[in-house]
Protein backbone atom coordinates (compact mmCIF):
# COMPACT_ATOMS: atom_id res chain seq x y z
CA UNK A 1 -3.13 11.54 -4.76
CA UNK A 2 -2.93 12.70 -1.05
CA UNK A 3 -0.75 10.90 1.13
CA UNK A 4 -2.20 9.54 4.40
CA UNK A 5 -1.61 12.02 7.34
CA UNK A 6 0.38 10.33 10.25
CA UNK A 7 -1.66 10.15 13.63
CA UNK A 8 0.01 12.72 16.25
CA UNK A 9 2.07 11.44 19.04
CA UNK A 10 -0.55 12.63 21.47
CA UNK A 11 -3.63 10.90 19.91
CA UNK A 12 -1.38 7.35 19.53
CA UNK A 13 -0.86 7.61 23.45
CA UNK A 14 -4.43 8.50 24.12
CA UNK A 15 -5.47 5.53 22.13
CA UNK A 16 -2.98 3.26 23.69
CA UNK A 17 -3.99 4.35 27.44
CA UNK A 18 -7.55 3.66 26.60
CA UNK A 19 -6.74 0.29 25.45
CA UNK A 20 -4.72 -0.23 28.71
CA UNK A 21 -7.71 1.12 30.68
CA UNK A 22 -10.07 -1.30 28.97
CA UNK A 23 -7.75 -4.22 29.56
CA UNK A 24 -7.42 -3.17 33.23
CA UNK A 25 -11.50 -2.70 33.56
CA UNK A 26 -11.80 -6.13 31.90
CA UNK A 27 -9.83 -8.09 34.48
CA UNK A 28 -10.79 -6.04 37.22
CA UNK A 29 -12.68 -8.71 39.99
CA UNK A 30 -15.08 -6.09 41.18
CA UNK A 31 -16.17 -4.85 37.90
CA UNK A 32 -16.39 -8.30 36.48
CA UNK A 33 -18.68 -9.16 39.80
CA UNK A 34 -20.72 -6.05 38.96
CA UNK A 35 -21.52 -7.00 35.35
CA UNK A 36 -22.53 -10.68 36.73
CA UNK A 37 -24.84 -9.34 39.51
CA UNK A 38 -26.64 -6.65 37.33
CA UNK A 39 -27.31 -9.70 34.81
CA UNK A 40 -28.88 -11.95 37.21
CA UNK A 41 -30.36 -9.49 39.50
CA UNK A 42 -32.74 -7.79 36.83
CA UNK A 43 -35.69 -8.65 38.60
CA UNK A 44 -34.57 -6.10 41.31
CA UNK A 45 -34.70 -3.16 38.95
CA UNK A 46 -32.35 -1.13 37.30
CA UNK A 47 -29.07 -1.15 39.58
CA UNK A 48 -26.53 1.50 39.38
CA UNK A 49 -23.40 0.16 38.25
CA UNK A 50 -21.16 2.65 39.96
CA UNK A 51 -22.52 2.24 43.45
CA UNK A 52 -22.75 -1.65 43.13
CA UNK A 53 -19.06 -1.81 42.04
CA UNK A 54 -18.46 0.42 45.29
CA UNK A 55 -19.99 -1.82 47.24
CA UNK A 56 -18.39 -4.92 46.12
CA UNK A 57 -15.03 -3.13 46.27
CA UNK A 58 -15.78 -2.13 49.85
CA UNK A 59 -16.39 -5.92 50.97
CA UNK A 60 -13.29 -6.72 49.06
CA UNK A 61 -11.22 -4.63 51.06
CA UNK A 62 -12.87 -5.74 54.23
CA UNK A 63 -11.63 -8.99 53.26
CA UNK A 64 -8.24 -8.00 52.73
CA UNK A 65 -8.67 -6.35 56.04
CA UNK A 66 -9.42 -9.61 58.20
CA UNK A 67 -13.07 -9.00 58.52
CA UNK A 68 -14.99 -12.02 57.19
CA UNK A 69 -18.61 -10.91 58.11
CA UNK A 70 -19.85 -10.63 54.59
CA UNK A 71 -18.18 -13.71 53.55
CA UNK A 72 -19.61 -15.94 56.62
CA UNK A 73 -23.49 -14.13 55.48
CA UNK A 74 -22.87 -15.01 51.97
CA UNK A 75 -21.69 -18.76 52.78
CA UNK A 76 -24.96 -19.14 54.87
CA UNK A 77 -27.05 -17.36 52.23
CA UNK A 78 -25.60 -19.75 49.65
CA UNK A 79 -26.09 -22.68 51.71
CA UNK A 80 -29.92 -22.04 52.32
CA UNK A 81 -30.35 -21.30 48.74
CA UNK A 82 -28.87 -24.40 47.62
CA UNK A 83 -30.74 -26.36 50.25
CA UNK A 84 -34.29 -24.62 48.90
CA UNK A 85 -33.27 -25.64 45.51
CA UNK A 86 -32.77 -29.45 46.51
CA UNK A 87 -36.23 -29.48 48.18
CA UNK A 88 -37.63 -27.82 45.27
CA UNK A 89 -36.14 -30.28 42.66
CA UNK A 90 -36.97 -33.36 45.12
CA UNK A 91 -40.72 -32.39 45.09
CA UNK A 92 -40.73 -31.96 41.54
CA UNK A 93 -39.01 -35.39 41.06
CA UNK A 94 -41.69 -36.87 43.30
CA UNK A 95 -44.28 -35.54 41.17
CA UNK A 96 -42.64 -37.42 38.24
CA UNK A 97 -42.15 -40.73 39.88
CA UNK A 98 -44.02 -42.16 37.09
CA UNK A 99 -41.42 -41.57 34.36
CA UNK A 100 -38.46 -43.04 35.66
CA UNK A 101 -35.87 -41.25 33.57
CA UNK A 102 -37.08 -37.76 34.22
CA UNK A 103 -37.41 -38.84 38.16
CA UNK A 104 -33.89 -40.07 38.13
CA UNK A 105 -32.33 -36.87 36.44
CA UNK A 106 -34.06 -34.54 38.68
CA UNK A 107 -33.40 -36.32 41.71
CA UNK A 108 -29.81 -36.60 40.92
CA UNK A 109 -29.81 -32.65 39.90
CA UNK A 110 -31.43 -32.12 43.48
CA UNK A 111 -28.63 -34.21 45.18
CA UNK A 112 -25.95 -32.28 43.46
CA UNK A 113 -27.42 -29.02 44.87
CA UNK A 114 -27.77 -30.60 48.54
CA UNK A 115 -23.92 -31.67 47.93
CA UNK A 116 -23.05 -27.91 47.37
CA UNK A 117 -25.08 -26.81 50.32
CA UNK A 118 -23.18 -29.57 52.52
CA UNK A 119 -19.82 -28.45 50.95
CA UNK A 120 -20.75 -24.73 51.51
CA UNK A 121 -21.38 -25.15 55.30
CA UNK A 122 -18.08 -27.15 55.54
CA UNK A 123 -16.25 -24.14 54.01
CA UNK A 124 -18.00 -21.95 56.53
CA UNK A 125 -17.24 -24.37 59.39
CA UNK A 126 -13.51 -24.07 58.43
CA UNK A 127 -13.47 -20.35 58.17
CA UNK A 128 -15.12 -20.20 61.79
CA UNK A 129 -12.60 -22.80 63.35
CA UNK A 130 -9.61 -23.11 61.19
CA UNK A 131 -7.52 -26.37 62.08
CA UNK A 132 -4.38 -25.70 63.51
CA UNK A 133 -1.28 -26.09 60.92
CA UNK A 134 0.95 -28.81 61.63
CA UNK A 135 4.59 -28.44 60.25
CA UNK A 136 5.27 -31.87 59.09
CA UNK A 137 9.12 -32.16 57.88
CA UNK A 138 8.79 -35.60 56.42
CA UNK A 139 6.04 -38.49 56.43
CA UNK A 140 7.19 -41.75 55.02
CA UNK A 141 4.44 -44.33 54.80
CA UNK A 142 5.36 -47.66 52.98
CA UNK A 143 4.25 -51.15 52.92
CA UNK A 144 7.36 -52.85 53.20
CA UNK A 145 11.35 -51.75 53.18
CA UNK A 146 11.77 -48.24 53.23
CA UNK A 147 14.82 -45.65 53.61
CA UNK A 148 14.24 -42.28 55.53
CA UNK A 149 17.05 -40.00 55.02
CA UNK A 150 16.46 -36.80 57.07
CA UNK A 151 18.80 -34.10 57.21
CA UNK A 152 21.97 -34.08 55.27
CA UNK A 153 22.55 -37.03 52.90
CA UNK A 154 26.16 -38.21 53.22
CA UNK A 155 28.00 -38.72 49.55
CA UNK A 156 28.35 -41.86 48.47
CA UNK A 157 31.55 -43.83 49.43
CA UNK A 158 33.33 -46.57 47.25
CA UNK A 159 32.29 -49.73 48.35
CA UNK A 160 35.17 -51.55 49.56
CA UNK A 161 34.78 -55.35 49.82
CA UNK A 162 36.70 -56.64 52.93
CA UNK A 163 37.82 -60.11 52.54
CA UNK A 164 36.62 -62.75 54.50
CA UNK A 165 39.44 -63.59 57.13
CA UNK A 166 37.79 -67.36 57.98
CA UNK A 167 39.24 -68.39 54.52
CA UNK A 168 42.60 -68.31 55.78
CA UNK A 169 45.19 -66.46 57.10
CA UNK A 170 45.96 -64.61 53.92
CA UNK A 171 43.61 -63.74 50.98
CA UNK A 172 43.32 -66.25 48.32
CA UNK A 173 45.09 -69.20 50.40
CA UNK A 174 42.51 -71.60 52.17
CA UNK A 175 43.64 -72.99 55.47
CA UNK A 176 44.96 -76.63 55.52
CA UNK A 177 42.12 -78.82 56.66
CA UNK A 178 44.09 -81.90 56.89
CA UNK A 179 44.23 -85.04 54.77
CA UNK A 180 40.99 -86.74 53.92
CA UNK A 181 39.92 -90.06 55.57
CA UNK A 182 38.18 -93.18 54.27
CA UNK A 183 34.45 -93.77 55.28
CA UNK A 184 34.01 -95.73 58.36
CA UNK A 185 31.02 -98.33 58.80
CA UNK A 186 29.31 -96.47 61.86
CA UNK A 187 26.36 -98.67 63.05
CA UNK A 188 26.84 -101.50 60.92
CA UNK A 189 24.41 -103.53 62.90
CA UNK A 190 21.50 -101.88 61.59
CA UNK A 191 20.18 -103.50 58.36
CA UNK A 192 17.00 -103.01 56.30
CA UNK A 193 14.01 -104.40 58.25
CA UNK A 194 12.59 -107.30 57.03
CA UNK A 195 9.11 -108.06 55.94
CA UNK A 196 8.40 -110.18 59.10
CA UNK A 197 8.96 -107.43 61.37
CA UNK A 198 6.97 -104.33 59.48
CA UNK A 199 3.84 -102.82 60.60
CA UNK A 200 0.51 -104.47 59.60
CA UNK A 201 -0.93 -100.87 58.50
């Protein structure tokens, strides 16, 4: 029986480096975009992977440097394409107006494309005209009672109950309000109204 020969250290390092390279390539955005573009643009013929990847990498670098011309062009193109999809599906839905199920499904897909076109144009508008950034420290909106604590919150203090001084001159002893008196017969001449003097209603 022959013993298994161990791999040389150089071969192991080469294999590890190759795996790391494959992992980097698999996660590199430009290469992922390149493979997807090639898959969806076969109608244009055979595209060179290296040239396409280099072009995508150049556009990524332009965005990093602040040049958004390609991004703006891409968004306009997407909006036009989505609008074309909407009109195409809307016409197809109209030709199937006799079948309500098919008509409804097609029209729903068309309206989704139209909504995506609108959202794309909104994104383009935000890129062209960015909104000023407002730094709001705190905004508290409530219906009813609310408490707003801006700044350092003071430490809670022990709640000291102060006795009510109106109860007496010393806490726990009530003031002498005097002796109680008997009730007096005030307005004694008033009596219950008799039946003769009552109102008719």
